[in-house]
Amino acid sequence: MGGAGARRGSGRPGAVTELDVAGLQRRLARFAAARNWEQYHTPKNLVAALSVEASELVEIFQWLTPEESAGVMTDPDTAHRVRDEVADVLAYLLQLCEVLGIDALAALSAKIDRNEDRFPVPGEG
């Protein structure tokens, strides 16, 4: 498994130490192309799928108390479900960015910059 897009560390089995976003996007594109799915990967469809997957992540936490939600990764079965749904959300987000020509990391960095300007630390200039 693994392949282009992720570098595996020598620590925990399967642990990714560094992400290559462009490599992951290429891998997702190859996966879709091999199955002739690109025709379905319109911005509208990708946003809808992203919403569905985010809702599936919400479902895991829906009725948990704040304390239970903080410990969700201690249960192996639930932790597996959370990781799978996070992966699904990220996969659709990366595919959407690819289709729309958005550099996800640059967009995030720019958004953080705007938020730092918009919400300065209290007591600082």
Foldseek 3Di string as FASTA:
>chain_A
DAPFFFDDDPPDPPDTDDGDLVRLLVVLVVVCVVVVNVVQLDLVNLVVQLVVLVVQLCVLVVPPDPVCVVCQCVDPVSVVSNVVSVVSNVSSVSSSCVNVVHPVVVVVVVVVVVVCVVDPDPPDD
